[in-house]
């Protein structure tokens, strides 16, 4: 099996540089290492990949057939290493965002436009609604729809309303001075 990357990279550099000694200099290893890697690769491939004489080095037909595959594989490996080294891959796919209408209109729509322009493979679905939070209980009014639930104690609690209307906070006497719901 041809799975030793050092051997494959050495084979590629031998053919690119034109000699074992030039490949050794290019790879920063000794001539003996390059020679052993090539011999090992040829042994595992079961055939000679490079014809060597004292004056000339040339690929065999099998070596010429193998080279484009090695080139592609090493290019893919370098691209994967570069992506990992940068720490992230370009965002792609569908990003779903749900937010109050006013926040979406003011902040998210301009940001979404910038993201789509910057990342061509990113799709954004922005769902806006009026959301009323009552002491940790959420009552949704989707585009003017009806409330999902209204608790009995709704009037005795601090209420934060967000959406196309201004935010409002109100509380009864027992809620004065409390940090939050």
C-alpha atoms as a PDB file:
ATOM      1  CA  UNK A   1       0.000   0.000   0.000  1.00  0.00           C
ATOM      2  CA  UNK A   2       1.327   3.425  -0.960  1.00  0.00           C
ATOM      3  CA  UNK A   3       0.504   5.258   2.256  1.00  0.00           C
ATOM      4  CA  UNK A   4       3.806   6.710   3.470  1.00  0.00           C
ATOM      5  CA  UNK A   5       3.553  10.442   2.809  1.00  0.00           C
ATOM      6  CA  UNK A   6       7.302  10.982   3.217  1.00  0.00           C
ATOM      7  CA  UNK A   7       7.983   8.428   0.496  1.00  0.00           C
ATOM      8  CA  UNK A   8       5.380   9.936  -1.827  1.00  0.00           C
ATOM      9  CA  UNK A   9       6.615  13.487  -1.200  1.00  0.00           C
ATOM     10  CA  UNK A  10      10.192  12.320  -1.811  1.00  0.00           C
ATOM     11  CA  UNK A  11       9.149  10.631  -5.082  1.00  0.00           C
ATOM     12  CA  UNK A  12       7.464  13.859  -6.211  1.00  0.00           C
ATOM     13  CA  UNK A  13      10.491  16.004  -5.325  1.00  0.00           C
ATOM     14  CA  UNK A  14      12.908  13.593  -7.074  1.00  0.00           C
ATOM     15  CA  UNK A  15      11.018  13.982 -10.345  1.00  0.00           C
ATOM     16  CA  UNK A  16      10.567  17.747  -9.886  1.00  0.00           C
ATOM     17  CA  UNK A  17      14.224  18.381  -9.028  1.00  0.00           C
ATOM     18  CA  UNK A  18      15.687  15.933 -11.547  1.00  0.00           C
ATOM     19  CA  UNK A  19      18.125  14.181  -9.211  1.00  0.00           C
ATOM     20  CA  UNK A  20      18.324  12.433  -5.857  1.00  0.00           C
ATOM     21  CA  UNK A  21      20.834  14.911  -4.455  1.00  0.00           C
ATOM     22  CA  UNK A  22      18.747  17.951  -5.518  1.00  0.00           C
ATOM     23  CA  UNK A  23      15.657  16.352  -3.958  1.00  0.00           C
ATOM     24  CA  UNK A  24      17.627  15.727  -0.757  1.00  0.00           C
ATOM     25  CA  UNK A  25      18.655  19.405  -0.579  1.00  0.00           C
ATOM     26  CA  UNK A  26      15.074  20.507  -1.319  1.00  0.00           C
ATOM     27  CA  UNK A  27      13.632  18.263   1.422  1.00  0.00           C
ATOM     28  CA  UNK A  28      16.399  19.102   3.895  1.00  0.00           C
ATOM     29  CA  UNK A  29      17.467  15.469   4.383  1.00  0.00           C
ATOM     30  CA  UNK A  30      20.505  13.415   3.432  1.00  0.00           C
ATOM     31  CA  UNK A  31      20.997  11.677   0.101  1.00  0.00           C
ATOM     32  CA  UNK A  32      20.860   8.265   1.820  1.00  0.00           C
ATOM     33  CA  UNK A  33      17.393   9.085   3.256  1.00  0.00           C
ATOM     34  CA  UNK A  34      16.052  10.022  -0.184  1.00  0.00           C
ATOM     35  CA  UNK A  35      17.514   6.865  -1.719  1.00  0.00           C
ATOM     36  CA  UNK A  36      16.021   4.649   1.022  1.00  0.00           C
ATOM     37  CA  UNK A  37      12.585   6.283   0.723  1.00  0.00           C
ATOM     38  CA  UNK A  38      12.526   5.762  -3.036  1.00  0.00           C
ATOM     39  CA  UNK A  39      13.666   2.138  -2.687  1.00  0.00           C
ATOM     40  CA  UNK A  40      10.981   1.521  -0.053  1.00  0.00           C
ATOM     41  CA  UNK A  41       8.258   3.095  -2.218  1.00  0.00           C
ATOM     42  CA  UNK A  42       9.311   1.024  -5.236  1.00  0.00           C
ATOM     43  CA  UNK A  43       9.385  -2.140  -3.106  1.00  0.00           C
ATOM     44  CA  UNK A  44       5.884  -1.507  -1.778  1.00  0.00           C
ATOM     45  CA  UNK A  45       4.590  -0.536  -5.250  1.00  0.00           C
ATOM     46  CA  UNK A  46       6.051  -3.755  -6.603  1.00  0.00           C
ATOM     47  CA  UNK A  47       7.734  -2.011  -9.531  1.00  0.00           C
ATOM     48  CA  UNK A  48      10.456   0.398 -10.476  1.00  0.00           C
ATOM     49  CA  UNK A  49       9.200   4.021 -10.577  1.00  0.00           C
ATOM     50  CA  UNK A  50      12.433   5.820 -11.488  1.00  0.00           C
ATOM     51  CA  UNK A  51      15.229   4.738 -13.855  1.00  0.00           C
ATOM     52  CA  UNK A  52      18.584   5.728 -12.393  1.00  0.00           C
ATOM     53  CA  UNK A  53      21.952   5.825 -14.086  1.00  0.00           C
ATOM     54  CA  UNK A  54      25.126   7.588 -13.036  1.00  0.00           C
ATOM     55  CA  UNK A  55      24.351  10.475 -15.368  1.00  0.00           C
ATOM     56  CA  UNK A  56      20.580  10.527 -15.702  1.00  0.00           C
ATOM     57  CA  UNK A  57      17.349  10.047 -13.766  1.00  0.00           C
ATOM     58  CA  UNK A  58      14.000   9.522 -15.521  1.00  0.00           C
ATOM     59  CA  UNK A  59      10.578   8.242 -14.512  1.00  0.00           C
ATOM     60  CA  UNK A  60       9.362   4.888 -15.745  1.00  0.00           C
ATOM     61  CA  UNK A  61       5.933   4.626 -17.387  1.00  0.00           C
ATOM     62  CA  UNK A  62       4.584   3.463 -14.015  1.00  0.00           C
ATOM     63  CA  UNK A  63       6.223   6.446 -12.316  1.00  0.00           C
ATOM     64  CA  UNK A  64       4.692   8.828 -14.857  1.00  0.00           C
ATOM     65  CA  UNK A  65       1.260   7.254 -14.285  1.00  0.00           C
ATOM     66  CA  UNK A  66       1.599   7.553 -10.499  1.00  0.00           C
ATOM     67  CA  UNK A  67       2.881  11.157 -10.420  1.00  0.00           C
ATOM     68  CA  UNK A  68      -0.419  13.028 -11.138  1.00  0.00           C
ATOM     69  CA  UNK A  69      -2.144  11.070  -8.364  1.00  0.00           C
ATOM     70  CA  UNK A  70       0.651  11.892  -5.931  1.00  0.00           C
ATOM     71  CA  UNK A  71       0.537  15.572  -6.949  1.00  0.00           C
ATOM     72  CA  UNK A  72      -3.232  15.791  -6.343  1.00  0.00           C
ATOM     73  CA  UNK A  73      -3.029  13.961  -3.028  1.00  0.00           C
ATOM     74  CA  UNK A  74      -0.225  16.151  -1.702  1.00  0.00           C
ATOM     75  CA  UNK A  75      -2.022  19.334  -2.865  1.00  0.00           C
ATOM     76  CA  UNK A  76      -5.175  18.234  -0.995  1.00  0.00           C
ATOM     77  CA  UNK A  77      -3.120  17.463   2.085  1.00  0.00           C
ATOM     78  CA  UNK A  78      -1.465  20.901   1.970  1.00  0.00           C
ATOM     79  CA  UNK A  79      -4.883  22.577   1.573  1.00  0.00           C
ATOM     80  CA  UNK A  80      -6.240  20.648   4.577  1.00  0.00           C
ATOM     81  CA  UNK A  81      -3.189  21.595   6.662  1.00  0.00           C
ATOM     82  CA  UNK A  82      -3.605  25.262   5.684  1.00  0.00           C
ATOM     83  CA  UNK A  83      -7.294  25.185   6.695  1.00  0.00           C
ATOM     84  CA  UNK A  84      -6.419  23.615  10.036  1.00  0.00           C
ATOM     85  CA  UNK A  85      -3.577  26.063  10.621  1.00  0.00           C
ATOM     86  CA  UNK A  86      -5.873  29.024  10.027  1.00  0.00           C
ATOM     87  CA  UNK A  87      -8.180  27.655  12.721  1.00  0.00           C
ATOM     88  CA  UNK A  88     -11.434  27.781  10.776  1.00  0.00           C
ATOM     89  CA  UNK A  89     -13.170  26.947   7.576  1.00  0.00           C
ATOM     90  CA  UNK A  90     -15.289  29.431   5.653  1.00  0.00           C
ATOM     91  CA  UNK A  91     -18.852  29.382   7.008  1.00  0.00           C
ATOM     92  CA  UNK A  92     -21.329  27.597   4.776  1.00  0.00           C
ATOM     93  CA  UNK A  93     -24.843  26.195   4.965  1.00  0.00           C
ATOM     94  CA  UNK A  94     -27.981  27.629   6.510  1.00  0.00           C
ATOM     95  CA  UNK A  95     -27.867  29.943   9.531  1.00  0.00           C
ATOM     96  CA  UNK A  96     -31.259  30.394  11.192  1.00  0.00           C
ATOM     97  CA  UNK A  97     -31.689  33.456  13.399  1.00  0.00           C
ATOM     98  CA  UNK A  98     -34.792  34.344  15.376  1.00  0.00           C
ATOM     99  CA  UNK A  99     -35.041  37.779  16.944  1.00  0.00           C
ATOM    100  CA  UNK A 100     -37.454  40.548  17.873  1.00  0.00           C
ATOM    101  CA  UNK A 101     -38.573  42.684  14.941  1.00  0.00           C
ATOM    102  CA  UNK A 102     -36.824  45.889  15.986  1.00  0.00           C
ATOM    103  CA  UNK A 103     -33.519  44.188  16.777  1.00  0.00           C
ATOM    104  CA  UNK A 104     -33.657  42.283  13.510  1.00  0.00           C
ATOM    105  CA  UNK A 105     -34.433  45.398  11.494  1.00  0.00           C
ATOM    106  CA  UNK A 106     -31.781  47.589  13.139  1.00  0.00           C
ATOM    107  CA  UNK A 107     -28.929  45.113  13.731  1.00  0.00           C
ATOM    108  CA  UNK A 108     -29.379  41.768  12.005  1.00  0.00           C
ATOM    109  CA  UNK A 109     -30.456  42.711   8.473  1.00  0.00           C
ATOM    110  CA  UNK A 110     -27.365  44.900   7.844  1.00  0.00           C
ATOM    111  CA  UNK A 111     -25.126  42.241   9.413  1.00  0.00           C
ATOM    112  CA  UNK A 112     -26.759  39.465   7.374  1.00  0.00           C
ATOM    113  CA  UNK A 113     -26.144  41.421   4.162  1.00  0.00           C
ATOM    114  CA  UNK A 114     -22.455  41.778   5.052  1.00  0.00           C
ATOM    115  CA  UNK A 115     -22.122  38.079   5.902  1.00  0.00           C
ATOM    116  CA  UNK A 116     -23.753  36.929   2.663  1.00  0.00           C
ATOM    117  CA  UNK A 117     -21.525  39.255   0.653  1.00  0.00           C
ATOM    118  CA  UNK A 118     -18.410  37.975   2.429  1.00  0.00           C
ATOM    119  CA  UNK A 119     -19.310  34.247   2.525  1.00  0.00           C
ATOM    120  CA  UNK A 120     -20.908  33.138  -0.740  1.00  0.00           C
ATOM    121  CA  UNK A 121     -21.768  29.655   0.559  1.00  0.00           C
ATOM    122  CA  UNK A 122     -23.749  30.984   3.551  1.00  0.00           C
ATOM    123  CA  UNK A 123     -27.545  31.277   3.552  1.00  0.00           C
ATOM    124  CA  UNK A 124     -29.343  33.193   6.302  1.00  0.00           C
ATOM    125  CA  UNK A 125     -32.944  32.752   7.384  1.00  0.00           C
ATOM    126  CA  UNK A 126     -34.079  35.586   9.648  1.00  0.00           C
ATOM    127  CA  UNK A 127     -37.345  35.064  11.529  1.00  0.00           C
ATOM    128  CA  UNK A 128     -38.625  38.086  13.415  1.00  0.00           C
ATOM    129  CA  UNK A 129     -41.458  38.234  15.906  1.00  0.00           C
ATOM    130  CA  UNK A 130     -42.757  40.253  18.819  1.00  0.00           C
ATOM    131  CA  UNK A 131     -41.712  38.510  21.997  1.00  0.00           C
ATOM    132  CA  UNK A 132     -43.013  39.312  25.469  1.00  0.00           C
ATOM    133  CA  UNK A 133     -41.060  37.858  28.387  1.00  0.00           C
ATOM    134  CA  UNK A 134     -42.978  37.514  31.644  1.00  0.00           C
ATOM    135  CA  UNK A 135     -40.787  36.353  34.555  1.00  0.00           C
ATOM    136  CA  UNK A 136     -39.024  33.725  32.500  1.00  0.00           C
ATOM    137  CA  UNK A 137     -42.191  32.666  30.665  1.00  0.00           C
ATOM    138  CA  UNK A 138     -42.193  33.619  27.013  1.00  0.00           C
ATOM    139  CA  UNK A 139     -45.399  34.650  25.309  1.00  0.00           C
ATOM    140  CA  UNK A 140     -44.960  34.892  21.553  1.00  0.00           C
ATOM    141  CA  UNK A 141     -46.977  37.020  19.233  1.00  0.00           C
ATOM    142  CA  UNK A 142     -45.822  35.978  15.772  1.00  0.00           C
ATOM    143  CA  UNK A 143     -46.526  38.915  13.459  1.00  0.00           C
ATOM    144  CA  UNK A 144     -49.641  39.934  15.354  1.00  0.00           C
ATOM    145  CA  UNK A 145     -50.797  36.374  16.109  1.00  0.00           C
ATOM    146  CA  UNK A 146     -52.371  35.259  19.383  1.00  0.00           C
ATOM    147  CA  UNK A 147     -50.521  34.628  22.642  1.00  0.00           C
ATOM    148  CA  UNK A 148     -49.383  31.045  23.264  1.00  0.00           C
ATOM    149  CA  UNK A 149     -50.234  31.273  26.956  1.00  0.00           C
ATOM    150  CA  UNK A 150     -51.055  33.938  29.454  1.00  0.00           C
ATOM    151  CA  UNK A 151     -50.259  33.169  33.088  1.00  0.00           C
ATOM    152  CA  UNK A 152     -52.746  34.213  35.795  1.00  0.00           C
ATOM    153  CA  UNK A 153     -50.077  36.184  37.628  1.00  0.00           C
ATOM    154  CA  UNK A 154     -49.163  38.193  34.539  1.00  0.00           C
ATOM    155  CA  UNK A 155     -50.177  41.525  36.078  1.00  0.00           C
ATOM    156  CA  UNK A 156     -48.189  40.931  39.283  1.00  0.00           C
ATOM    157  CA  UNK A 157     -44.839  40.582  37.566  1.00  0.00           C
ATOM    158  CA  UNK A 158     -42.281  42.801  35.889  1.00  0.00           C
ATOM    159  CA  UNK A 159     -42.824  42.659  32.127  1.00  0.00           C
ATOM    160  CA  UNK A 160     -40.282  43.377  29.373  1.00  0.00           C
ATOM    161  CA  UNK A 161     -41.865  43.966  25.984  1.00  0.00           C
ATOM    162  CA  UNK A 162     -39.740  44.074  22.880  1.00  0.00           C
ATOM    163  CA  UNK A 163     -40.676  44.321  19.258  1.00  0.00           C
ATOM    164  CA  UNK A 164     -41.849  47.144  17.060  1.00  0.00           C
ATOM    165  CA  UNK A 165     -43.093  48.968  20.151  1.00  0.00           C
ATOM    166  CA  UNK A 166     -40.902  50.633  22.750  1.00  0.00           C
ATOM    167  CA  UNK A 167     -39.584  48.427  25.573  1.00  0.00           C
ATOM    168  CA  UNK A 168     -41.590  48.819  28.758  1.00  0.00           C
ATOM    169  CA  UNK A 169     -40.988  47.709  32.316  1.00  0.00           C
ATOM    170  CA  UNK A 170     -43.669  47.781  34.960  1.00  0.00           C
ATOM    171  CA  UNK A 171     -43.948  46.136  38.361  1.00  0.00           C
ATOM    172  CA  UNK A 172     -46.161  45.868  41.386  1.00  0.00           C
ATOM    173  CA  UNK A 173     -44.916  46.845  44.841  1.00  0.00           C
ATOM    174  CA  UNK A 174     -43.674  43.365  45.702  1.00  0.00           C
ATOM    175  CA  UNK A 175     -41.348  43.373  42.688  1.00  0.00           C
ATOM    176  CA  UNK A 176     -39.678  46.692  43.459  1.00  0.00           C
ATOM    177  CA  UNK A 177     -35.981  46.257  44.140  1.00  0.00           C
ATOM    178  CA  UNK A 178     -35.666  42.747  42.648  1.00  0.00           C
ATOM    179  CA  UNK A 179     -32.800  42.174  40.221  1.00  0.00           C
ATOM    180  CA  UNK A 180     -34.722  40.267  37.555  1.00  0.00           C
ATOM    181  CA  UNK A 181     -37.405  37.667  37.043  1.00  0.00           C
END
